[in-house]
Amino acid sequence: MKPYSVLFLCTGNSARSILAEAYLNSAGRGRFRAYSAGSHPTGQVNPLALELLASHGIDTSGFRSKNWSEFARPDAPGIDLIFTVCDNAAGEVCPVWPGKPITAHWGVEDPAAVTGKDEARRAAFVKAFNELSARIDQLVALPLEKLDRHSLKTSLDQIGKGRTTA
């Protein structure tokens, strides 16, 4: 069975979407292939995101901040599921995604927006990572092959609202 392709979107593609992509590729055990992109990418991955991923033993090589238009092209990988992980990206006009993927909003506060001491900034990244990984763990546990499109969409929306799925 081919893996489910998942795209995580945010504005800058430097923190939240990168954390989600990396964690799903690690936790998905081959059932998922995750990607990330941004509507207005910063051009670089936040070093604190890379530091946090490395501390969890997740490979950080090859990550880059990229524009979501890369995934709307005809030669782009087919995407099954799309998650917006920031409120800004959720409110923007998105490209037309080939294949009509199922979409859901899983908003998480932007750890890259936190200023001040390194301790506070790192704590914000840990908080975002914990929220995303908990949602992704629920995604991974879903019996995707047994759910119709409507049931899957409902389950993904519930996960995004912080409700556990049955």
C-alpha atoms as a PDB file:
ATOM      1  CA  MET A   1       0.000   0.000   0.000  1.00  0.00           C
ATOM      2  CA  LYS A   2       1.388   3.399  -0.960  1.00  0.00           C
ATOM      3  CA  PRO A   3       2.047   5.811   1.885  1.00  0.00           C
ATOM      4  CA  TYR A   4      -0.330   8.698   2.494  1.00  0.00           C
ATOM      5  CA  SER A   5       1.221  11.976   1.380  1.00  0.00           C
ATOM      6  CA  VAL A   6       0.745  14.801   3.860  1.00  0.00           C
ATOM      7  CA  LEU A   7       1.519  18.494   3.430  1.00  0.00           C
ATOM      8  CA  PHE A   8       1.846  20.805   6.438  1.00  0.00           C
ATOM      9  CA  LEU A   9       1.405  24.500   5.668  1.00  0.00           C
ATOM     10  CA  CYS A  10       2.195  27.682   7.536  1.00  0.00           C
ATOM     11  CA  THR A  11       3.234  31.161   6.510  1.00  0.00           C
ATOM     12  CA  GLY A  12       7.029  31.068   6.894  1.00  0.00           C
ATOM     13  CA  ASN A  13       7.788  27.334   6.673  1.00  0.00           C
ATOM     14  CA  SER A  14      10.542  27.775   9.232  1.00  0.00           C
ATOM     15  CA  ALA A  15       9.187  26.213  12.439  1.00  0.00           C
ATOM     16  CA  ARG A  16       5.740  24.601  12.945  1.00  0.00           C
ATOM     17  CA  SER A  17       5.344  23.020   9.529  1.00  0.00           C
ATOM     18  CA  ILE A  18       8.958  21.803   9.631  1.00  0.00           C
ATOM     19  CA  LEU A  19       8.420  20.261  13.092  1.00  0.00           C
ATOM     20  CA  ALA A  20       5.274  18.506  11.864  1.00  0.00           C
ATOM     21  CA  GLU A  21       6.890  17.233   8.665  1.00  0.00           C
ATOM     22  CA  ALA A  22       9.875  15.838  10.525  1.00  0.00           C
ATOM     23  CA  TYR A  23       7.842  14.229  13.288  1.00  0.00           C
ATOM     24  CA  LEU A  24       5.332  12.552  10.953  1.00  0.00           C
ATOM     25  CA  ASN A  25       8.111  11.167   8.769  1.00  0.00           C
ATOM     26  CA  SER A  26       9.679   9.731  11.923  1.00  0.00           C
ATOM     27  CA  ALA A  27       6.513   8.505  13.687  1.00  0.00           C
ATOM     28  CA  GLY A  28       4.605   7.456  10.570  1.00  0.00           C
ATOM     29  CA  ARG A  29       6.531   4.212  10.227  1.00  0.00           C
ATOM     30  CA  GLY A  30       6.419   4.262   6.430  1.00  0.00           C
ATOM     31  CA  ARG A  31       2.623   4.744   6.265  1.00  0.00           C
ATOM     32  CA  PHE A  32       3.088   8.462   5.606  1.00  0.00           C
ATOM     33  CA  ARG A  33       5.319  10.722   3.538  1.00  0.00           C
ATOM     34  CA  ALA A  34       5.236  14.239   4.963  1.00  0.00           C
ATOM     35  CA  TYR A  35       6.177  17.528   3.349  1.00  0.00           C
ATOM     36  CA  SER A  36       5.977  21.162   4.442  1.00  0.00           C
ATOM     37  CA  ALA A  37       5.716  24.538   2.757  1.00  0.00           C
ATOM     38  CA  GLY A  38       4.768  28.145   3.379  1.00  0.00           C
ATOM     39  CA  SER A  39       2.746  30.841   1.698  1.00  0.00           C
ATOM     40  CA  HIS A  40       5.591  33.334   2.290  1.00  0.00           C
ATOM     41  CA  PRO A  41       8.619  31.204   3.204  1.00  0.00           C
ATOM     42  CA  THR A  42      11.363  32.827   5.209  1.00  0.00           C
ATOM     43  CA  GLY A  43      14.036  31.080   3.162  1.00  0.00           C
ATOM     44  CA  GLN A  44      15.599  29.362   6.160  1.00  0.00           C
ATOM     45  CA  VAL A  45      14.610  26.826   8.785  1.00  0.00           C
ATOM     46  CA  ASN A  46      14.649  28.205  12.314  1.00  0.00           C
ATOM     47  CA  PRO A  47      17.766  26.895  14.117  1.00  0.00           C
ATOM     48  CA  LEU A  48      15.714  26.215  17.280  1.00  0.00           C
ATOM     49  CA  ALA A  49      13.436  23.901  15.285  1.00  0.00           C
ATOM     50  CA  LEU A  50      16.458  21.967  14.045  1.00  0.00           C
ATOM     51  CA  GLU A  51      17.941  21.866  17.559  1.00  0.00           C
ATOM     52  CA  LEU A  52      14.704  20.481  19.020  1.00  0.00           C
ATOM     53  CA  LEU A  53      14.315  17.836  16.318  1.00  0.00           C
ATOM     54  CA  ALA A  54      17.913  16.713  16.781  1.00  0.00           C
ATOM     55  CA  SER A  55      17.336  16.430  20.543  1.00  0.00           C
ATOM     56  CA  HIS A  56      14.546  13.938  19.751  1.00  0.00           C
ATOM     57  CA  GLY A  57      16.831  11.917  17.484  1.00  0.00           C
ATOM     58  CA  ILE A  58      15.044  13.070  14.325  1.00  0.00           C
ATOM     59  CA  ASP A  59      17.218  13.570  11.253  1.00  0.00           C
ATOM     60  CA  THR A  60      17.326  17.232  10.250  1.00  0.00           C
ATOM     61  CA  SER A  61      19.255  16.960   6.999  1.00  0.00           C
ATOM     62  CA  GLY A  62      17.632  18.228   3.843  1.00  0.00           C
ATOM     63  CA  PHE A  63      15.106  20.582   5.419  1.00  0.00           C
ATOM     64  CA  ARG A  64      14.553  23.868   3.645  1.00  0.00           C
ATOM     65  CA  SER A  65      11.978  26.632   3.716  1.00  0.00           C
ATOM     66  CA  LYS A  66       9.929  26.394   0.506  1.00  0.00           C
ATOM     67  CA  ASN A  67       6.901  27.958  -1.168  1.00  0.00           C
ATOM     68  CA  TRP A  68       3.632  26.062  -1.264  1.00  0.00           C
ATOM     69  CA  SER A  69       3.427  26.639  -5.030  1.00  0.00           C
ATOM     70  CA  GLU A  70       5.928  23.766  -5.388  1.00  0.00           C
ATOM     71  CA  PHE A  71       3.121  21.394  -4.396  1.00  0.00           C
ATOM     72  CA  ALA A  72       0.513  22.841  -6.754  1.00  0.00           C
ATOM     73  CA  ARG A  73       2.504  22.130  -9.918  1.00  0.00           C
ATOM     74  CA  PRO A  74       1.530  19.246 -12.191  1.00  0.00           C
ATOM     75  CA  ASP A  75       4.845  17.469 -11.472  1.00  0.00           C
ATOM     76  CA  ALA A  76       4.456  17.772  -7.688  1.00  0.00           C
ATOM     77  CA  PRO A  77       3.923  14.683  -5.541  1.00  0.00           C
ATOM     78  CA  GLY A  78       0.247  13.806  -5.120  1.00  0.00           C
ATOM     79  CA  ILE A  79      -0.987  14.982  -1.726  1.00  0.00           C
ATOM     80  CA  ASP A  80      -3.692  13.116   0.216  1.00  0.00           C
ATOM     81  CA  LEU A  81      -3.955  15.309   3.321  1.00  0.00           C
ATOM     82  CA  ILE A  82      -3.185  18.991   3.909  1.00  0.00           C
ATOM     83  CA  PHE A  83      -2.964  20.596   7.348  1.00  0.00           C
ATOM     84  CA  THR A  84      -2.615  24.311   8.007  1.00  0.00           C
ATOM     85  CA  VAL A  85      -0.743  24.739  11.278  1.00  0.00           C
ATOM     86  CA  CYS A  86      -1.061  28.510  11.583  1.00  0.00           C
ATOM     87  CA  ASP A  87      -4.081  30.772  11.516  1.00  0.00           C
ATOM     88  CA  ASN A  88      -2.563  33.078   8.887  1.00  0.00           C
ATOM     89  CA  ALA A  89      -2.096  30.309   6.329  1.00  0.00           C
ATOM     90  CA  ALA A  90      -5.566  28.964   7.087  1.00  0.00           C
ATOM     91  CA  GLY A  91      -7.056  32.331   6.152  1.00  0.00           C
ATOM     92  CA  GLU A  92      -5.131  32.799   2.911  1.00  0.00           C
ATOM     93  CA  VAL A  93      -6.275  31.869  -0.551  1.00  0.00           C
ATOM     94  CA  CYS A  94      -4.478  28.609  -1.232  1.00  0.00           C
ATOM     95  CA  PRO A  95      -3.419  27.239  -4.594  1.00  0.00           C
ATOM     96  CA  VAL A  96      -5.643  24.677  -6.249  1.00  0.00           C
ATOM     97  CA  TRP A  97      -4.241  21.380  -5.064  1.00  0.00           C
ATOM     98  CA  PRO A  98      -4.160  18.543  -7.604  1.00  0.00           C
ATOM     99  CA  GLY A  99      -6.148  15.455  -6.599  1.00  0.00           C
ATOM    100  CA  LYS A 100      -8.523  17.196  -4.158  1.00  0.00           C
ATOM    101  CA  PRO A 101      -6.744  16.352  -0.899  1.00  0.00           C
ATOM    102  CA  ILE A 102      -8.608  16.399   2.401  1.00  0.00           C
ATOM    103  CA  THR A 103      -7.775  19.537   4.381  1.00  0.00           C
ATOM    104  CA  ALA A 104      -7.929  20.394   8.068  1.00  0.00           C
ATOM    105  CA  HIS A 105      -6.740  23.222  10.295  1.00  0.00           C
ATOM    106  CA  TRP A 106      -4.452  22.313  13.196  1.00  0.00           C
ATOM    107  CA  GLY A 107      -3.492  25.778  14.433  1.00  0.00           C
ATOM    108  CA  VAL A 108      -0.525  26.057  16.796  1.00  0.00           C
ATOM    109  CA  GLU A 109       1.009  29.244  18.207  1.00  0.00           C
ATOM    110  CA  ASP A 110       4.132  30.347  16.368  1.00  0.00           C
ATOM    111  CA  PRO A 111       7.207  29.570  18.454  1.00  0.00           C
ATOM    112  CA  ALA A 112       9.358  31.632  16.088  1.00  0.00           C
ATOM    113  CA  ALA A 113       7.397  34.746  17.104  1.00  0.00           C
ATOM    114  CA  VAL A 114       8.493  34.436  20.737  1.00  0.00           C
ATOM    115  CA  THR A 115      11.171  36.938  21.665  1.00  0.00           C
ATOM    116  CA  GLY A 116      13.341  37.309  24.706  1.00  0.00           C
ATOM    117  CA  LYS A 117      15.660  34.917  26.433  1.00  0.00           C
ATOM    118  CA  ASP A 118      16.689  31.658  24.782  1.00  0.00           C
ATOM    119  CA  GLU A 119      14.983  29.697  27.567  1.00  0.00           C
ATOM    120  CA  ALA A 120      11.570  31.233  26.720  1.00  0.00           C
ATOM    121  CA  ARG A 121      12.125  30.756  23.001  1.00  0.00           C
ATOM    122  CA  ARG A 122      13.101  27.096  23.445  1.00  0.00           C
ATOM    123  CA  ALA A 123      10.071  26.524  25.697  1.00  0.00           C
ATOM    124  CA  ALA A 124       7.813  27.868  22.937  1.00  0.00           C
ATOM    125  CA  PHE A 125       9.313  25.403  20.467  1.00  0.00           C
ATOM    126  CA  VAL A 126       8.822  22.519  22.901  1.00  0.00           C
ATOM    127  CA  LYS A 127       5.195  23.532  23.430  1.00  0.00           C
ATOM    128  CA  ALA A 128       4.521  23.685  19.673  1.00  0.00           C
ATOM    129  CA  PHE A 129       6.297  20.369  19.106  1.00  0.00           C
ATOM    130  CA  ASN A 130       4.310  18.680  21.888  1.00  0.00           C
ATOM    131  CA  GLU A 131       0.994  19.926  20.462  1.00  0.00           C
ATOM    132  CA  LEU A 132       1.876  18.848  16.942  1.00  0.00           C
ATOM    133  CA  SER A 133       3.285  15.465  17.938  1.00  0.00           C
ATOM    134  CA  ALA A 134       0.165  14.680  20.017  1.00  0.00           C
ATOM    135  CA  ARG A 135      -2.052  15.430  17.012  1.00  0.00           C
ATOM    136  CA  ILE A 136       0.188  13.487  14.675  1.00  0.00           C
ATOM    137  CA  ASP A 137       0.147  10.501  17.037  1.00  0.00           C
ATOM    138  CA  GLN A 138      -3.659  10.548  16.767  1.00  0.00           C
ATOM    139  CA  LEU A 139      -3.411  10.741  12.978  1.00  0.00           C
ATOM    140  CA  VAL A 140      -1.028   7.783  12.882  1.00  0.00           C
ATOM    141  CA  ALA A 141      -3.424   5.763  15.078  1.00  0.00           C
ATOM    142  CA  LEU A 142      -6.410   6.312  12.759  1.00  0.00           C
ATOM    143  CA  PRO A 143      -7.531   3.299  10.694  1.00  0.00           C
ATOM    144  CA  LEU A 144      -7.263   5.370   7.500  1.00  0.00           C
ATOM    145  CA  GLU A 145      -7.964   2.492   5.135  1.00  0.00           C
ATOM    146  CA  LYS A 146     -11.302   1.865   6.893  1.00  0.00           C
ATOM    147  CA  LEU A 147     -12.547   5.473   6.889  1.00  0.00           C
ATOM    148  CA  ASP A 148     -14.552   7.041   4.091  1.00  0.00           C
ATOM    149  CA  ARG A 149     -13.660  10.579   3.018  1.00  0.00           C
ATOM    150  CA  HIS A 150     -16.317  12.246   5.223  1.00  0.00           C
ATOM    151  CA  SER A 151     -15.391  10.236   8.336  1.00  0.00           C
ATOM    152  CA  LEU A 152     -11.706  10.960   7.824  1.00  0.00           C
ATOM    153  CA  LYS A 153     -12.355  14.699   7.399  1.00  0.00           C
ATOM    154  CA  THR A 154     -14.443  14.700  10.592  1.00  0.00           C
ATOM    155  CA  SER A 155     -11.715  12.866  12.515  1.00  0.00           C
ATOM    156  CA  LEU A 156      -9.008  15.242  11.285  1.00  0.00           C
ATOM    157  CA  ASP A 157     -11.094  18.282  12.234  1.00  0.00           C
ATOM    158  CA  GLN A 158     -11.675  16.825  15.703  1.00  0.00           C
ATOM    159  CA  ILE A 159      -7.956  16.261  16.191  1.00  0.00           C
ATOM    160  CA  GLY A 160      -7.338  19.900  15.200  1.00  0.00           C
ATOM    161  CA  LYS A 161      -9.836  21.066  17.810  1.00  0.00           C
ATOM    162  CA  GLY A 162      -8.015  19.134  20.517  1.00  0.00           C
ATOM    163  CA  ARG A 163     -10.615  16.421  20.758  1.00  0.00           C
ATOM    164  CA  THR A 164      -9.582  12.809  20.735  1.00  0.00           C
ATOM    165  CA  THR A 165     -10.961  10.574  18.037  1.00  0.00           C
ATOM    166  CA  ALA A 166     -12.711   7.295  18.643  1.00  0.00           C
END
